[in-house]
């Protein structure tokens, strides 16, 4: 009988210890996740960040790796530099472009940032006007900087790029 009481006591005490460890681990994960999100928010609020794409998916489902193709979008205040390849359909009204990609350096229009703290996501929207066509960008950045950029264009079918948003290697002026 004495052994049964000791065994029950040990079982209850051991279970409580395991539950406490599991709870502490969950809290550590939560704290790490919050730190990552706050660091990403600080980066976006600085206004100087760079998106580097490693994959694109066209509206028709075509997917291509961009690991060997330089594909970046760099914001510095109200200025942006975009160099993103494009694979998709051109609309009949779109002028023919030799480069085939989305290349632009200049000011952004209608820049907005929305923080979705409950999901730890940041949604950035802006437009660029290249004269011959307008591109609407929507960047969805998660807590760790993993990003999806969707581009809707006045002269092309939409396209999405996947990659990472981080601090730029160098800061450029203009």
Foldseek 3Di string as FASTA:
>chain_A
DVVVVVVVVCVVVVVVVVVVVVVVVVVVVVVVLVVLLVVVVVVVVQFWKKWWFQKKAFPVGDIDGCPVPTFMWTTHHQWIFGWHADDFFWAPQQDDDPRNGDTDTGGWAPWDWDQPPVQSKIWIWIWDCPPRKIKIWIWIQHSNFWIKIWIPMPTTGIMITTGGMDGDPDDDDD
